[in-house]
Amino acid sequence: MTVCIAAIAEFGGSILVAMDKMMTSGDVATDLGTAKGMRVHDRWFAAFAGDVTQVPPIMRGAIASLAATSQPSVAQVAESFVQAYSAQRSRVAEQLFLSQFHLDMPTFKGMLSADNNDCIRDLKEQIDGLDFALDFIVAGFDADSVPHIFTVRNPGVEKHYDQTGFWSVGAGLELALNNLILRKYDQFKSLGESAYYVAESKFVAESTLGVGQDTVVLVLKPDNVMAFITRQKLAAVREIWETDAKPRVPDNLESRMVEQIRFEKVLPFKA
């Protein structure tokens, strides 16, 4: 897995996206060497967490769908991803569960309508329960330069986080979100302060298994500009965090705490 974070900043004038480069497959974990996301339109960026083998067809489908629109609305972008995601999930389900019976998905749906017997119901349960372990987080600006963040997750459901102003996907989701909430993050903070909190949340999430240390942070602007914070600059941000903000264990903790612990006799327990 991984962690990907998106956050609106500067009163809606910027969007920050942070992610690691880790790919995990079974017991093997490796650094992809590149960002786990890509630009899908002039002012839209999509990052992913999960099964990287399913990413290319979904990205291709969404990009092709958006290519005909110069300034898509958030509804159009979300629909493009939902359709591409659902289509690939359906294709995988067809290959896993139907191809052995020489069936395709349209034929199977027709069979569901005509004869809902035990065998068909069993196949439907397998298809419905397919663990399609892939999450997308998509961020960008609509035609009116309004920022948006949404996710698409199994089985192809979109959720929007414009009001929250930030969100995350991946194995490190909870730690990243907890840190942003702890920092009282909101979309009205300055770009510098926002960039620090987003990067810090990525660093905090690294204690989750499957989240790599190598970090990518980028900034999206509504005028089709996208900028990356370089690896050297991120190293400086990490140093700030480790020196000034990273939680530390107090000195002499054992002796100081032992003094606070006293055992008292209690009456025997009776059920």
C-alpha atoms as a PDB file:
ATOM      1  CA  MET A   1       0.000   0.000   0.000  1.00  0.00           C
ATOM      2  CA  THR A   2       1.050   3.587   0.441  1.00  0.00           C
ATOM      3  CA  VAL A   3      -0.255   6.957   1.551  1.00  0.00           C
ATOM      4  CA  CYS A   4      -1.499   9.837  -0.600  1.00  0.00           C
ATOM      5  CA  ILE A   5      -2.712  13.140   0.840  1.00  0.00           C
ATOM      6  CA  ALA A   6      -4.489  16.055  -0.838  1.00  0.00           C
ATOM      7  CA  ALA A   7      -5.257  19.385   0.829  1.00  0.00           C
ATOM      8  CA  ILE A   8      -6.677  22.717  -0.290  1.00  0.00           C
ATOM      9  CA  ALA A   9      -4.666  25.794   0.747  1.00  0.00           C
ATOM     10  CA  GLU A  10      -4.483  29.594   0.352  1.00  0.00           C
ATOM     11  CA  PHE A  11      -8.241  30.187   0.546  1.00  0.00           C
ATOM     12  CA  GLY A  12      -8.713  27.750  -2.327  1.00  0.00           C
ATOM     13  CA  GLY A  13      -5.914  29.167  -4.446  1.00  0.00           C
ATOM     14  CA  SER A  14      -3.709  26.043  -4.240  1.00  0.00           C
ATOM     15  CA  ILE A  15      -3.950  22.309  -3.763  1.00  0.00           C
ATOM     16  CA  LEU A  16      -1.130  20.282  -2.216  1.00  0.00           C
ATOM     17  CA  VAL A  17      -0.643  16.589  -2.936  1.00  0.00           C
ATOM     18  CA  ALA A  18       1.843  14.381  -1.055  1.00  0.00           C
ATOM     19  CA  MET A  19       2.610  10.702  -1.620  1.00  0.00           C
ATOM     20  CA  ASP A  20       5.302   8.104  -1.154  1.00  0.00           C
ATOM     21  CA  LYS A  21       6.835   5.875  -3.851  1.00  0.00           C
ATOM     22  CA  MET A  22       6.482   2.502  -2.167  1.00  0.00           C
ATOM     23  CA  MET A  23       5.058  -0.517  -3.963  1.00  0.00           C
ATOM     24  CA  THR A  24       4.226  -3.625  -1.932  1.00  0.00           C
ATOM     25  CA  SER A  25       3.424  -7.020  -3.436  1.00  0.00           C
ATOM     26  CA  GLY A  26       3.091  -9.885  -0.974  1.00  0.00           C
ATOM     27  CA  ASP A  27       6.266  -9.942   1.124  1.00  0.00           C
ATOM     28  CA  VAL A  28       8.187  -7.741  -1.321  1.00  0.00           C
ATOM     29  CA  ALA A  29       8.360  -3.958  -0.923  1.00  0.00           C
ATOM     30  CA  THR A  30      10.246  -1.682  -3.273  1.00  0.00           C
ATOM     31  CA  ASP A  31      10.565   1.968  -4.213  1.00  0.00           C
ATOM     32  CA  LEU A  32       8.873   2.710  -7.532  1.00  0.00           C
ATOM     33  CA  GLY A  33      11.283   5.580  -8.134  1.00  0.00           C
ATOM     34  CA  THR A  34       8.460   7.797  -9.337  1.00  0.00           C
ATOM     35  CA  ALA A  35       5.370   9.527  -8.024  1.00  0.00           C
ATOM     36  CA  LYS A  36       2.319   7.362  -7.419  1.00  0.00           C
ATOM     37  CA  GLY A  37       0.105   9.632  -9.426  1.00  0.00           C
ATOM     38  CA  MET A  38      -0.145  11.663 -12.588  1.00  0.00           C
ATOM     39  CA  ARG A  39      -1.754  14.638 -14.231  1.00  0.00           C
ATOM     40  CA  VAL A  40      -5.030  13.611 -15.883  1.00  0.00           C
ATOM     41  CA  HIS A  41      -6.040  17.028 -17.243  1.00  0.00           C
ATOM     42  CA  ASP A  42      -4.659  20.556 -17.307  1.00  0.00           C
ATOM     43  CA  ARG A  43      -5.749  21.274 -13.739  1.00  0.00           C
ATOM     44  CA  TRP A  44      -6.379  17.809 -12.312  1.00  0.00           C
ATOM     45  CA  PHE A  45      -4.055  15.302 -10.645  1.00  0.00           C
ATOM     46  CA  ALA A  46      -4.835  11.743  -9.548  1.00  0.00           C
ATOM     47  CA  ALA A  47      -2.834   9.682  -7.033  1.00  0.00           C
ATOM     48  CA  PHE A  48      -3.419   6.052  -6.139  1.00  0.00           C
ATOM     49  CA  ALA A  49      -2.890   3.539  -3.353  1.00  0.00           C
ATOM     50  CA  GLY A  50      -3.175  -0.200  -3.806  1.00  0.00           C
ATOM     51  CA  ASP A  51      -2.801  -2.658  -6.676  1.00  0.00           C
ATOM     52  CA  VAL A  52      -0.609  -0.842  -9.200  1.00  0.00           C
ATOM     53  CA  THR A  53      -1.354  -3.437 -11.898  1.00  0.00           C
ATOM     54  CA  GLN A  54      -4.888  -2.087 -12.262  1.00  0.00           C
ATOM     55  CA  VAL A  55      -3.894   1.585 -12.438  1.00  0.00           C
ATOM     56  CA  PRO A  56      -2.897   1.992 -16.150  1.00  0.00           C
ATOM     57  CA  PRO A  57      -6.244   1.015 -17.732  1.00  0.00           C
ATOM     58  CA  ILE A  58      -8.180   3.157 -15.258  1.00  0.00           C
ATOM     59  CA  MET A  59      -5.921   6.171 -15.819  1.00  0.00           C
ATOM     60  CA  ARG A  60      -6.111   5.696 -19.603  1.00  0.00           C
ATOM     61  CA  GLY A  61      -9.881   5.449 -19.467  1.00  0.00           C
ATOM     62  CA  ALA A  62     -10.300   8.570 -17.336  1.00  0.00           C
ATOM     63  CA  ILE A  63      -7.831  10.618 -19.400  1.00  0.00           C
ATOM     64  CA  ALA A  64      -9.477   9.596 -22.686  1.00  0.00           C
ATOM     65  CA  SER A  65     -12.904  10.498 -21.318  1.00  0.00           C
ATOM     66  CA  LEU A  66     -11.713  13.939 -20.198  1.00  0.00           C
ATOM     67  CA  ALA A  67      -9.742  14.729 -23.344  1.00  0.00           C
ATOM     68  CA  ALA A  68     -12.779  16.048 -25.199  1.00  0.00           C
ATOM     69  CA  THR A  69     -13.539  18.648 -22.499  1.00  0.00           C
ATOM     70  CA  SER A  70     -11.321  21.706 -22.157  1.00  0.00           C
ATOM     71  CA  GLN A  71     -12.646  22.721 -18.725  1.00  0.00           C
ATOM     72  CA  PRO A  72     -14.429  19.796 -17.086  1.00  0.00           C
ATOM     73  CA  SER A  73     -16.620  20.196 -14.040  1.00  0.00           C
ATOM     74  CA  VAL A  74     -15.896  18.163 -10.917  1.00  0.00           C
ATOM     75  CA  ALA A  75     -18.937  16.037 -11.782  1.00  0.00           C
ATOM     76  CA  GLN A  76     -17.433  15.214 -15.182  1.00  0.00           C
ATOM     77  CA  VAL A  77     -14.037  14.345 -13.692  1.00  0.00           C
ATOM     78  CA  ALA A  78     -15.611  12.171 -11.010  1.00  0.00           C
ATOM     79  CA  GLU A  79     -17.828  10.405 -13.533  1.00  0.00           C
ATOM     80  CA  SER A  80     -14.823   9.720 -15.770  1.00  0.00           C
ATOM     81  CA  PHE A  81     -12.989   8.028 -12.899  1.00  0.00           C
ATOM     82  CA  VAL A  82     -16.015   6.127 -11.636  1.00  0.00           C
ATOM     83  CA  GLN A  83     -16.743   4.787 -15.116  1.00  0.00           C
ATOM     84  CA  ALA A  84     -13.113   3.804 -15.759  1.00  0.00           C
ATOM     85  CA  TYR A  85     -12.788   2.238 -12.295  1.00  0.00           C
ATOM     86  CA  SER A  86     -16.050   0.292 -12.571  1.00  0.00           C
ATOM     87  CA  ALA A  87     -15.225  -0.894 -16.081  1.00  0.00           C
ATOM     88  CA  GLN A  88     -11.844  -2.296 -14.993  1.00  0.00           C
ATOM     89  CA  ARG A  89     -13.295  -3.916 -11.889  1.00  0.00           C
ATOM     90  CA  SER A  90     -15.990  -5.516 -14.040  1.00  0.00           C
ATOM     91  CA  ARG A  91     -13.343  -6.744 -16.492  1.00  0.00           C
ATOM     92  CA  VAL A  92     -11.310  -8.355 -13.694  1.00  0.00           C
ATOM     93  CA  ALA A  93     -14.438  -9.958 -12.212  1.00  0.00           C
ATOM     94  CA  GLU A  94     -15.335 -11.309 -15.636  1.00  0.00           C
ATOM     95  CA  GLN A  95     -11.885 -12.843 -16.036  1.00  0.00           C
ATOM     96  CA  LEU A  96     -11.852 -14.338 -12.526  1.00  0.00           C
ATOM     97  CA  PHE A  97     -15.377 -15.691 -12.225  1.00  0.00           C
ATOM     98  CA  LEU A  98     -17.108 -15.818 -15.619  1.00  0.00           C
ATOM     99  CA  SER A  99     -14.526 -16.637 -18.268  1.00  0.00           C
ATOM    100  CA  GLN A 100     -14.270 -20.272 -17.107  1.00  0.00           C
ATOM    101  CA  PHE A 101     -17.941 -20.639 -18.076  1.00  0.00           C
ATOM    102  CA  HIS A 102     -17.402 -18.769 -21.362  1.00  0.00           C
ATOM    103  CA  LEU A 103     -19.584 -15.928 -20.104  1.00  0.00           C
ATOM    104  CA  ASP A 104     -19.131 -12.172 -20.294  1.00  0.00           C
ATOM    105  CA  MET A 105     -20.658  -9.605 -17.952  1.00  0.00           C
ATOM    106  CA  PRO A 106     -23.590  -8.524 -20.210  1.00  0.00           C
ATOM    107  CA  THR A 107     -24.598 -12.159 -20.686  1.00  0.00           C
ATOM    108  CA  PHE A 108     -24.368 -12.811 -16.952  1.00  0.00           C
ATOM    109  CA  LYS A 109     -26.541  -9.786 -16.159  1.00  0.00           C
ATOM    110  CA  GLY A 110     -29.106 -11.121 -18.600  1.00  0.00           C
ATOM    111  CA  MET A 111     -29.026 -14.475 -16.815  1.00  0.00           C
ATOM    112  CA  LEU A 112     -29.601 -12.718 -13.489  1.00  0.00           C
ATOM    113  CA  SER A 113     -32.782 -11.187 -14.861  1.00  0.00           C
ATOM    114  CA  ALA A 114     -34.047 -14.395 -16.415  1.00  0.00           C
ATOM    115  CA  ASP A 115     -33.160 -17.097 -13.871  1.00  0.00           C
ATOM    116  CA  ASN A 116     -31.856 -16.187 -10.437  1.00  0.00           C
ATOM    117  CA  ASN A 117     -30.935 -19.732  -9.340  1.00  0.00           C
ATOM    118  CA  ASP A 118     -28.432 -20.831  -6.666  1.00  0.00           C
ATOM    119  CA  CYS A 119     -25.468 -21.065  -9.073  1.00  0.00           C
ATOM    120  CA  ILE A 120     -26.100 -17.622 -10.478  1.00  0.00           C
ATOM    121  CA  ARG A 121     -26.567 -16.152  -7.008  1.00  0.00           C
ATOM    122  CA  ASP A 122     -23.281 -17.732  -5.900  1.00  0.00           C
ATOM    123  CA  LEU A 123     -21.449 -16.180  -8.848  1.00  0.00           C
ATOM    124  CA  LYS A 124     -23.033 -12.812  -8.099  1.00  0.00           C
ATOM    125  CA  GLU A 125     -21.861 -12.995  -4.482  1.00  0.00           C
ATOM    126  CA  GLN A 126     -18.307 -13.715  -5.646  1.00  0.00           C
ATOM    127  CA  ILE A 127     -18.404 -10.789  -8.062  1.00  0.00           C
ATOM    128  CA  ASP A 128     -19.914  -8.427  -5.485  1.00  0.00           C
ATOM    129  CA  GLY A 129     -17.287  -9.487  -2.932  1.00  0.00           C
ATOM    130  CA  LEU A 130     -14.305  -8.988  -5.216  1.00  0.00           C
ATOM    131  CA  ASP A 131     -11.553  -7.301  -3.194  1.00  0.00           C
ATOM    132  CA  PHE A 132     -10.467  -4.733  -5.756  1.00  0.00           C
ATOM    133  CA  ALA A 133      -7.769  -3.200  -3.573  1.00  0.00           C
ATOM    134  CA  LEU A 134      -7.218   0.149  -5.270  1.00  0.00           C
ATOM    135  CA  ASP A 135      -8.075   3.681  -4.127  1.00  0.00           C
ATOM    136  CA  PHE A 136      -7.764   6.931  -6.044  1.00  0.00           C
ATOM    137  CA  ILE A 137      -7.630  10.448  -4.673  1.00  0.00           C
ATOM    138  CA  VAL A 138      -8.238  13.129  -7.303  1.00  0.00           C
ATOM    139  CA  ALA A 139      -7.732  16.856  -6.845  1.00  0.00           C
ATOM    140  CA  GLY A 140      -8.010  19.860  -9.110  1.00  0.00           C
ATOM    141  CA  PHE A 141      -9.845  22.985 -10.185  1.00  0.00           C
ATOM    142  CA  ASP A 142     -13.073  23.290 -12.160  1.00  0.00           C
ATOM    143  CA  ALA A 143     -13.842  25.861 -14.882  1.00  0.00           C
ATOM    144  CA  ASP A 144     -14.524  28.506 -12.208  1.00  0.00           C
ATOM    145  CA  SER A 145     -11.173  27.808 -10.478  1.00  0.00           C
ATOM    146  CA  VAL A 146     -12.939  26.241  -7.499  1.00  0.00           C
ATOM    147  CA  PRO A 147     -10.784  23.514  -5.867  1.00  0.00           C
ATOM    148  CA  HIS A 148     -12.094  19.990  -5.360  1.00  0.00           C
ATOM    149  CA  ILE A 149     -10.912  16.748  -3.748  1.00  0.00           C
ATOM    150  CA  PHE A 150     -12.650  13.403  -4.172  1.00  0.00           C
ATOM    151  CA  THR A 151     -11.860   9.706  -3.848  1.00  0.00           C
ATOM    152  CA  VAL A 152     -12.941   6.645  -5.824  1.00  0.00           C
ATOM    153  CA  ARG A 153     -12.815   3.311  -4.005  1.00  0.00           C
ATOM    154  CA  ASN A 154     -14.082  -0.244  -4.418  1.00  0.00           C
ATOM    155  CA  PRO A 155     -16.577  -1.057  -5.901  1.00  0.00           C
ATOM    156  CA  GLY A 156     -16.473   2.277  -7.750  1.00  0.00           C
ATOM    157  CA  VAL A 157     -17.894   4.755  -5.239  1.00  0.00           C
ATOM    158  CA  GLU A 158     -16.972   8.436  -5.193  1.00  0.00           C
ATOM    159  CA  LYS A 159     -16.775  10.576  -2.063  1.00  0.00           C
ATOM    160  CA  HIS A 160     -16.111  14.322  -2.016  1.00  0.00           C
ATOM    161  CA  TYR A 161     -14.081  16.301   0.540  1.00  0.00           C
ATOM    162  CA  ASP A 162     -14.410  19.922  -0.570  1.00  0.00           C
ATOM    163  CA  GLN A 163     -15.865  20.970   2.778  1.00  0.00           C
ATOM    164  CA  THR A 164     -13.255  19.086   4.782  1.00  0.00           C
ATOM    165  CA  GLY A 165     -10.529  20.653   2.656  1.00  0.00           C
ATOM    166  CA  PHE A 166      -8.263  17.603   2.886  1.00  0.00           C
ATOM    167  CA  TRP A 167      -8.272  13.818   2.737  1.00  0.00           C
ATOM    168  CA  SER A 168      -6.034  10.793   2.323  1.00  0.00           C
ATOM    169  CA  VAL A 169      -6.031   7.245   0.955  1.00  0.00           C
ATOM    170  CA  GLY A 170      -3.790   4.241   1.531  1.00  0.00           C
ATOM    171  CA  ALA A 171      -2.413   2.284   4.461  1.00  0.00           C
ATOM    172  CA  GLY A 172      -1.275   5.444   6.239  1.00  0.00           C
ATOM    173  CA  LEU A 173      -4.653   7.175   5.927  1.00  0.00           C
ATOM    174  CA  GLU A 174      -5.552   7.223   9.618  1.00  0.00           C
ATOM    175  CA  LEU A 175      -2.227   8.606  10.849  1.00  0.00           C
ATOM    176  CA  ALA A 176      -2.144  11.245   8.111  1.00  0.00           C
ATOM    177  CA  LEU A 177      -5.699  12.398   8.824  1.00  0.00           C
ATOM    178  CA  ASN A 178      -5.185  12.332  12.589  1.00  0.00           C
ATOM    179  CA  ASN A 179      -2.165  14.602  12.225  1.00  0.00           C
ATOM    180  CA  LEU A 180      -4.021  17.086  10.021  1.00  0.00           C
ATOM    181  CA  ILE A 181      -6.901  17.131  12.487  1.00  0.00           C
ATOM    182  CA  LEU A 182      -4.476  17.543  15.407  1.00  0.00           C
ATOM    183  CA  ARG A 183      -2.953  20.522  13.598  1.00  0.00           C
ATOM    184  CA  LYS A 184      -6.430  21.988  13.065  1.00  0.00           C
ATOM    185  CA  TYR A 185      -5.724  22.113   9.351  1.00  0.00           C
ATOM    186  CA  ASP A 186      -8.036  24.219   7.212  1.00  0.00           C
ATOM    187  CA  GLN A 187      -7.960  25.459   3.617  1.00  0.00           C
ATOM    188  CA  PHE A 188      -7.367  29.072   4.670  1.00  0.00           C
ATOM    189  CA  LYS A 189      -3.778  28.581   5.766  1.00  0.00           C
ATOM    190  CA  SER A 190      -0.857  30.056   3.830  1.00  0.00           C
ATOM    191  CA  LEU A 191       0.941  27.972   1.226  1.00  0.00           C
ATOM    192  CA  GLY A 192       4.090  27.570   3.329  1.00  0.00           C
ATOM    193  CA  GLU A 193       2.260  26.524   6.474  1.00  0.00           C
ATOM    194  CA  SER A 194       0.005  24.177   4.498  1.00  0.00           C
ATOM    195  CA  ALA A 195       2.950  22.574   2.715  1.00  0.00           C
ATOM    196  CA  TYR A 196       4.607  21.872   6.060  1.00  0.00           C
ATOM    197  CA  TYR A 197       1.500  20.269   7.592  1.00  0.00           C
ATOM    198  CA  VAL A 198       0.883  18.093   4.532  1.00  0.00           C
ATOM    199  CA  ALA A 199       4.530  16.956   4.430  1.00  0.00           C
ATOM    200  CA  GLU A 200       4.503  16.382   8.189  1.00  0.00           C
ATOM    201  CA  SER A 201       1.387  14.236   7.882  1.00  0.00           C
ATOM    202  CA  LYS A 202       3.162  12.130   5.265  1.00  0.00           C
ATOM    203  CA  PHE A 203       6.175  11.727   7.611  1.00  0.00           C
ATOM    204  CA  VAL A 204       3.895  10.705  10.492  1.00  0.00           C
ATOM    205  CA  ALA A 205       2.193   8.097   8.275  1.00  0.00           C
ATOM    206  CA  GLU A 206       5.540   6.415   7.591  1.00  0.00           C
ATOM    207  CA  SER A 207       5.227   4.400  10.789  1.00  0.00           C
ATOM    208  CA  THR A 208       2.501   2.409   9.001  1.00  0.00           C
ATOM    209  CA  LEU A 209       3.665  -0.814   7.363  1.00  0.00           C
ATOM    210  CA  GLY A 210       3.844  -0.348   3.592  1.00  0.00           C
ATOM    211  CA  VAL A 211       4.421   3.422   3.586  1.00  0.00           C
ATOM    212  CA  GLY A 212       7.815   4.419   2.184  1.00  0.00           C
ATOM    213  CA  GLN A 213      10.025   7.292   3.313  1.00  0.00           C
ATOM    214  CA  ASP A 214      10.752   8.678  -0.146  1.00  0.00           C
ATOM    215  CA  THR A 215       8.290  11.543  -0.568  1.00  0.00           C
ATOM    216  CA  VAL A 216       6.810  13.563  -3.419  1.00  0.00           C
ATOM    217  CA  VAL A 217       4.968  16.835  -2.755  1.00  0.00           C
ATOM    218  CA  LEU A 218       3.455  18.950  -5.506  1.00  0.00           C
ATOM    219  CA  VAL A 219       1.405  22.124  -5.726  1.00  0.00           C
ATOM    220  CA  LEU A 220      -1.468  22.646  -8.174  1.00  0.00           C
ATOM    221  CA  LYS A 221      -2.662  26.092  -9.211  1.00  0.00           C
ATOM    222  CA  PRO A 222      -5.825  27.029 -11.149  1.00  0.00           C
ATOM    223  CA  ASP A 223      -3.798  28.646 -13.956  1.00  0.00           C
ATOM    224  CA  ASN A 224      -2.566  25.212 -15.167  1.00  0.00           C
ATOM    225  CA  VAL A 225       0.658  25.506 -13.157  1.00  0.00           C
ATOM    226  CA  MET A 226       2.039  22.517 -11.254  1.00  0.00           C
ATOM    227  CA  ALA A 227       5.209  22.712  -9.160  1.00  0.00           C
ATOM    228  CA  PHE A 228       7.156  20.010  -7.290  1.00  0.00           C
ATOM    229  CA  ILE A 229       8.988  20.470  -4.014  1.00  0.00           C
ATOM    230  CA  THR A 230      12.391  18.961  -4.759  1.00  0.00           C
ATOM    231  CA  ARG A 231      13.900  16.059  -2.838  1.00  0.00           C
ATOM    232  CA  GLN A 232      16.557  18.387  -1.387  1.00  0.00           C
ATOM    233  CA  LYS A 233      13.925  20.845  -0.178  1.00  0.00           C
ATOM    234  CA  LEU A 234      11.875  18.033   1.334  1.00  0.00           C
ATOM    235  CA  ALA A 235      14.960  16.837   3.192  1.00  0.00           C
ATOM    236  CA  ALA A 236      15.103  20.285   4.771  1.00  0.00           C
ATOM    237  CA  VAL A 237      11.415  20.062   5.698  1.00  0.00           C
ATOM    238  CA  ARG A 238      12.003  16.651   7.283  1.00  0.00           C
ATOM    239  CA  GLU A 239      14.896  18.119   9.291  1.00  0.00           C
ATOM    240  CA  ILE A 240      12.593  20.858  10.603  1.00  0.00           C
ATOM    241  CA  TRP A 241      10.091  18.207  11.648  1.00  0.00           C
ATOM    242  CA  GLU A 242      12.646  15.906  13.265  1.00  0.00           C
ATOM    243  CA  THR A 243      14.395  18.769  15.072  1.00  0.00           C
ATOM    244  CA  ASP A 244      11.480  20.924  16.182  1.00  0.00           C
ATOM    245  CA  ALA A 245       8.207  19.014  15.962  1.00  0.00           C
ATOM    246  CA  LYS A 246       8.598  15.231  16.049  1.00  0.00           C
ATOM    247  CA  PRO A 247       7.307  13.892  19.407  1.00  0.00           C
ATOM    248  CA  ARG A 248      10.068  12.740  21.750  1.00  0.00           C
ATOM    249  CA  VAL A 249      10.193  10.430  24.745  1.00  0.00           C
ATOM    250  CA  PRO A 250      10.919  12.459  27.911  1.00  0.00           C
ATOM    251  CA  ASP A 251      14.289  12.028  29.601  1.00  0.00           C
ATOM    252  CA  ASN A 252      14.513   9.578  32.505  1.00  0.00           C
ATOM    253  CA  LEU A 253      11.008   8.379  31.712  1.00  0.00           C
ATOM    254  CA  GLU A 254      11.219   5.062  33.577  1.00  0.00           C
ATOM    255  CA  SER A 255      12.353   6.500  36.906  1.00  0.00           C
ATOM    256  CA  ARG A 256       9.975   9.438  36.696  1.00  0.00           C
ATOM    257  CA  MET A 257       6.972   7.199  35.958  1.00  0.00           C
ATOM    258  CA  VAL A 258       7.767   4.487  38.514  1.00  0.00           C
ATOM    259  CA  GLU A 259       7.377   7.134  41.194  1.00  0.00           C
ATOM    260  CA  GLN A 260       3.793   7.698  40.035  1.00  0.00           C
ATOM    261  CA  ILE A 261       2.742   4.037  40.135  1.00  0.00           C
ATOM    262  CA  ARG A 262       1.535   2.608  43.436  1.00  0.00           C
ATOM    263  CA  PHE A 263      -0.174  -0.740  43.937  1.00  0.00           C
ATOM    264  CA  GLU A 264      -2.975  -1.019  46.482  1.00  0.00           C
ATOM    265  CA  LYS A 265      -4.583  -4.156  47.838  1.00  0.00           C
ATOM    266  CA  VAL A 266      -8.154  -4.711  46.708  1.00  0.00           C
ATOM    267  CA  LEU A 267     -10.823  -7.123  47.855  1.00  0.00           C
ATOM    268  CA  PRO A 268     -10.911 -10.509  46.061  1.00  0.00           C
ATOM    269  CA  PHE A 269     -13.104 -10.586  43.020  1.00  0.00           C
ATOM    270  CA  LYS A 270     -16.477 -12.289  43.381  1.00  0.00           C
ATOM    271  CA  ALA A 271     -18.663 -13.018  40.364  1.00  0.00           C
END
